[in-house]
N, C-alpha and C. Protein backbone atom coordinates (compact mmCIF):
# COMPACT_ATOMS: atom_id res chain seq x y z
N UNK A 1 0.56 -1.15 0.03
CA UNK A 1 0.17 -0.12 0.30
C UNK A 1 0.82 1.41 -0.38
N UNK A 2 0.39 2.24 -0.28
CA UNK A 2 1.05 3.66 -0.26
C UNK A 2 0.30 4.57 -0.13
N UNK A 3 0.94 5.04 0.87
CA UNK A 3 0.31 6.74 1.45
C UNK A 3 1.27 8.07 1.18
N UNK A 4 0.72 8.68 0.85
CA UNK A 4 1.30 10.20 0.52
C UNK A 4 0.77 11.25 2.29
N UNK A 5 2.29 11.98 1.85
CA UNK A 5 1.75 13.19 3.27
C UNK A 5 2.41 13.46 2.95
N UNK A 6 1.99 15.53 3.13
CA UNK A 6 2.29 16.60 2.95
C UNK A 6 3.82 16.88 3.23
N UNK A 7 3.83 16.29 4.48
CA UNK A 7 5.39 16.43 5.59
C UNK A 7 6.06 15.34 5.06
N UNK A 8 5.11 14.62 5.47
CA UNK A 8 6.33 13.30 5.64
C UNK A 8 6.89 12.59 4.47
N UNK A 9 6.30 12.70 3.21
CA UNK A 9 6.42 12.56 2.10
C UNK A 9 5.67 11.04 1.33
N UNK A 10 6.06 10.22 1.04
CA UNK A 10 5.62 8.82 0.98
C UNK A 10 5.74 7.56 1.71
N UNK A 11 4.87 6.69 1.90
CA UNK A 11 5.44 5.08 3.01
C UNK A 11 4.65 4.52 1.25
N UNK A 12 5.60 3.61 1.33
CA UNK A 12 4.88 2.61 0.53
C UNK A 12 5.01 1.16 1.90
N UNK A 13 4.39 0.54 2.05
CA UNK A 13 4.22 -0.96 2.43
C UNK A 13 3.97 -2.09 1.98
N UNK A 14 4.78 -3.27 2.23
CA UNK A 14 5.02 -3.89 1.15
C UNK A 14 3.52 -5.21 1.53
N UNK A 15 3.31 -5.72 0.56
CA UNK A 15 1.93 -6.69 0.29
C UNK A 15 2.75 -7.85 1.35
N UNK A 16 1.94 -8.04 2.48
CA UNK A 16 2.53 -8.69 3.67
C UNK A 16 1.75 -10.39 3.93
N UNK A 17 3.32 -10.71 4.02
CA UNK A 17 3.21 -11.97 3.64
C UNK A 17 2.52 -12.87 4.84
N UNK A 18 2.16 -14.32 4.82
CA UNK A 18 1.52 -14.66 5.72
C UNK A 18 2.93 -15.30 6.92
N UNK A 19 4.11 -15.41 6.53
CA UNK A 19 5.19 -15.54 7.50
C UNK A 19 5.42 -13.86 7.46
N UNK A 20 5.69 -13.18 6.94
CA UNK A 20 6.12 -11.75 7.53
C UNK A 20 5.19 -11.43 8.65
N UNK A 21 3.55 -11.55 8.63
CA UNK A 21 2.37 -11.37 9.44
C UNK A 21 3.07 -12.05 10.95
N UNK A 22 3.27 -13.24 10.64
CA UNK A 22 3.43 -13.76 11.64
C UNK A 22 4.90 -13.26 12.82
N UNK A 23 5.63 -13.44 12.01
CA UNK A 23 6.73 -12.53 12.34
C UNK A 23 6.72 -11.54 13.24
N UNK A 24 6.11 -10.67 12.53
CA UNK A 24 5.45 -9.51 12.72
C UNK A 24 4.84 -9.16 14.41
N UNK A 25 3.67 -10.15 14.31
CA UNK A 25 3.15 -10.65 15.15
C UNK A 25 3.79 -11.00 16.67
N UNK A 26 4.67 -12.09 15.97
CA UNK A 26 5.66 -12.57 17.40
C UNK A 26 6.70 -11.68 17.83
N UNK A 27 7.19 -11.27 16.78
CA UNK A 27 7.96 -9.60 17.42
C UNK A 27 7.29 -8.43 18.03
N UNK A 28 6.13 -8.42 18.26
CA UNK A 28 5.26 -7.21 19.11
C UNK A 28 4.78 -8.13 20.69
N UNK A 29 4.90 -9.75 19.92
CA UNK A 29 4.30 -9.92 21.50
C UNK A 29 4.67 -9.53 22.38
N UNK A 30 3.67 -8.90 23.54
CA UNK A 30 4.54 -8.46 25.08
C UNK A 30 4.12 -6.56 24.99
N UNK A 31 4.09 -6.35 23.71
CA UNK A 31 4.15 -5.02 23.75
C UNK A 31 3.06 -4.26 23.73
N UNK A 32 2.57 -4.98 23.59
CA UNK A 32 0.83 -4.10 23.90
C UNK A 32 0.62 -3.32 25.16
N UNK A 33 1.66 -4.37 26.27
CA UNK A 33 1.87 -3.36 28.12
C UNK A 33 2.89 -2.29 27.53
N UNK A 34 3.04 -1.75 26.55
CA UNK A 34 4.08 -0.86 26.69
C UNK A 34 3.06 0.90 26.08
N UNK A 35 3.68 1.31 26.51
CA UNK A 35 3.18 3.13 26.35
C UNK A 35 3.18 3.09 24.15
N UNK A 36 2.02 3.57 23.93
CA UNK A 36 2.25 4.05 23.02
C UNK A 36 3.26 4.13 22.14
N UNK A 37 4.07 5.75 22.35
CA UNK A 37 4.79 5.84 21.79
C UNK A 37 5.83 4.80 21.50
N UNK A 38 6.16 3.68 22.61
CA UNK A 38 6.91 2.44 22.37
C UNK A 38 6.62 1.94 21.74
N UNK A 39 5.24 1.24 21.64
CA UNK A 39 4.93 0.33 20.44
C UNK A 39 4.64 0.66 19.69
N UNK A 40 4.50 1.80 18.94
CA UNK A 40 4.71 2.28 17.74
C UNK A 40 6.43 2.53 17.32
N UNK A 41 7.37 2.90 18.05
CA UNK A 41 8.40 2.54 17.51
C UNK A 41 8.72 1.04 17.49
N UNK A 42 8.60 0.11 17.98
CA UNK A 42 9.08 -1.56 17.95
C UNK A 42 7.90 -1.74 16.54
N UNK A 43 6.51 -0.98 16.20
CA UNK A 43 6.12 -0.98 15.48
C UNK A 43 7.12 -1.24 13.85
N UNK A 44 7.35 -0.17 14.11
CA UNK A 44 8.58 0.77 12.88
C UNK A 44 9.70 -0.11 12.95
N UNK A 45 10.10 -0.80 13.69
CA UNK A 45 11.33 -1.00 13.98
C UNK A 45 11.04 -2.19 13.71
N UNK A 46 10.42 -3.36 13.65
CA UNK A 46 10.32 -4.81 13.36
C UNK A 46 9.44 -4.70 11.70
N UNK A 47 8.84 -3.27 11.47
CA UNK A 47 8.92 -3.67 10.05
C UNK A 47 10.09 -2.87 8.47
N UNK A 48 10.56 -2.64 9.56
CA UNK A 48 12.34 -2.17 8.69
C UNK A 48 12.63 -3.79 8.95
N UNK A 49 12.65 -3.90 10.08
CA UNK A 49 13.79 -5.58 9.82
C UNK A 49 12.96 -6.60 9.08
N UNK A 50 11.78 -6.59 8.77
CA UNK A 50 11.03 -7.96 8.51
C UNK A 50 11.09 -7.23 6.84
N UNK A 51 10.88 -6.43 6.72
CA UNK A 51 11.18 -5.43 4.91
C UNK A 51 9.27 -5.45 4.38
N UNK A 52 9.03 -5.11 5.94
CA UNK A 52 7.52 -5.01 5.20
C UNK A 52 7.24 -3.21 4.72
N UNK A 53 8.17 -2.54 5.60
CA UNK A 53 8.60 -1.13 5.24
C UNK A 53 9.67 -1.21 3.94
N UNK A 54 8.84 -0.49 3.04
CA UNK A 54 9.60 -0.48 1.85
C UNK A 54 10.44 0.88 1.45
N UNK A 55 9.21 2.46 2.08
CA UNK A 55 9.21 3.62 1.44
C UNK A 55 9.28 4.42 3.20
N UNK A 56 9.64 4.93 3.79
CA UNK A 56 11.14 5.65 3.20
C UNK A 56 11.69 4.80 3.77
N UNK A 57 12.62 4.25 2.66
CA UNK A 57 13.98 3.43 3.45
C UNK A 57 14.84 3.89 4.73
N UNK A 58 14.64 2.98 5.34
CA UNK A 58 14.79 3.16 6.40
C UNK A 58 16.43 2.14 7.33
N UNK A 59 17.40 2.31 8.44
CA UNK A 59 17.51 1.46 8.88
C UNK A 59 17.23 1.03 10.36
N UNK A 60 16.92 0.47 10.93
CA UNK A 60 16.40 0.14 12.54
C UNK A 60 16.81 1.66 13.15
N UNK A 61 18.45 1.82 13.27
CA UNK A 61 18.96 2.99 14.04
C UNK A 61 18.63 3.78 13.50
N UNK A 62 17.85 4.17 12.37
CA UNK A 62 17.25 5.79 12.41
C UNK A 62 16.06 6.28 12.80
N UNK A 63 15.15 5.11 13.20
CA UNK A 63 13.85 4.57 13.77
C UNK A 63 14.39 5.35 14.96
N UNK A 64 15.70 5.24 15.76
CA UNK A 64 15.63 5.34 17.07
C UNK A 64 16.07 7.52 17.24
N UNK A 65 16.17 8.23 16.08
CA UNK A 65 17.17 9.03 15.64
C UNK A 65 15.76 10.34 14.59
N UNK A 66 14.97 9.41 14.73
CA UNK A 66 13.72 10.17 13.92
C UNK A 66 13.01 11.02 14.38
N UNK A 67 12.34 11.80 14.01
CA UNK A 67 10.91 12.66 15.00
C UNK A 67 9.39 11.88 15.14
N UNK A 68 9.21 11.85 16.43
CA UNK A 68 8.01 11.27 16.98
C UNK A 68 7.00 10.38 16.02
N UNK A 69 6.50 12.23 15.37
CA UNK A 69 5.30 12.75 14.29
C UNK A 69 5.33 12.06 13.10
N UNK A 70 6.90 11.35 12.86
CA UNK A 70 7.33 10.29 11.38
C UNK A 70 6.59 9.09 11.76
N UNK A 71 7.10 8.57 13.31
CA UNK A 71 7.33 7.36 13.45
C UNK A 71 5.62 7.19 14.03
N UNK A 72 4.81 7.99 14.25
CA UNK A 72 3.70 7.78 14.32
C UNK A 72 2.70 7.37 13.07
N UNK A 73 3.27 8.43 12.10
CA UNK A 73 2.24 8.64 10.90
C UNK A 73 3.11 6.86 9.97
N UNK A 74 4.40 6.53 10.46
CA UNK A 74 4.74 5.66 9.91
C UNK A 74 3.91 4.27 10.55
N UNK A 75 3.68 4.43 11.32
CA UNK A 75 3.40 3.02 12.30
C UNK A 75 2.03 3.23 12.01
N UNK A 76 0.96 4.17 11.45
CA UNK A 76 -0.19 4.17 10.88
C UNK A 76 -0.45 2.93 9.89
N UNK A 77 0.21 4.03 9.18
CA UNK A 77 -0.18 3.46 7.63
C UNK A 77 0.65 1.51 8.16
N UNK A 78 1.42 1.32 8.58
CA UNK A 78 1.45 0.10 9.09
C UNK A 78 0.49 -1.00 9.47
N UNK A 79 -0.44 -0.40 10.31
CA UNK A 79 -0.87 -0.80 10.97
C UNK A 79 -2.55 -0.69 10.06
N UNK A 80 -2.43 0.29 8.95
CA UNK A 80 -3.89 -0.18 8.17
C UNK A 80 -3.11 -1.18 6.90
N UNK A 81 -2.07 -1.14 6.92
CA UNK A 81 -1.87 -2.42 5.66
C UNK A 81 -1.66 -3.71 6.36
N UNK A 82 -1.46 -3.62 7.77
CA UNK A 82 -1.80 -5.13 8.39
C UNK A 82 -3.10 -5.29 8.65
N UNK A 83 -4.16 -4.45 8.93
CA UNK A 83 -5.74 -4.79 9.36
C UNK A 83 -5.98 -4.96 7.77
N UNK A 84 -5.43 -4.55 6.80
CA UNK A 84 -6.15 -5.13 5.13
C UNK A 84 -5.77 -6.04 5.05
N UNK A 85 -4.66 -6.64 5.28
CA UNK A 85 -3.97 -7.76 4.96
C UNK A 85 -4.74 -8.95 5.80
N UNK A 86 -5.69 -8.97 7.16
CA UNK A 86 -6.16 -9.94 7.33
C UNK A 86 -7.81 -9.73 7.35
N UNK A 87 -8.22 -8.70 6.59
CA UNK A 87 -9.56 -8.49 6.57
C UNK A 87 -10.06 -9.01 5.17
N UNK A 88 -10.80 -10.39 5.65
CA UNK A 88 -11.76 -10.71 4.81
C UNK A 88 -13.27 -10.25 4.07
N UNK A 89 -13.30 -10.03 2.87
CA UNK A 89 -14.28 -9.53 2.55
C UNK A 89 -15.58 -10.28 2.62
N UNK A 90 -16.49 -9.72 3.26
CA UNK A 90 -17.24 -10.92 3.97
C UNK A 90 -18.59 -11.02 2.75
N UNK A 91 -18.37 -9.99 1.15
CA UNK A 91 -19.01 -10.24 -0.08
C UNK A 91 -18.67 -11.09 -0.86
N UNK A 92 -17.53 -11.64 -0.39
CA UNK A 92 -16.65 -12.78 -1.55
C UNK A 92 -16.52 -13.89 -1.45
């Protein structure tokens, strides 16, 4: 999926495979008890590690140095893509 933001530019998230989804959920297991900024940072880090976040090109250490509002936006893009990947169309 592709997302555009006036300030942050483009976010491209891969078509998530079953393996990526499983690994992503395993990586985030237990972080649901963390404060939201921690969970968002972790979700972006894991998306980078797993090849889910395609653009912007980032390394894991760049997530730590990024502005919090960018991480919020990227985490939201990732969450929307994951939600779409696990949704079953009731009319299909």
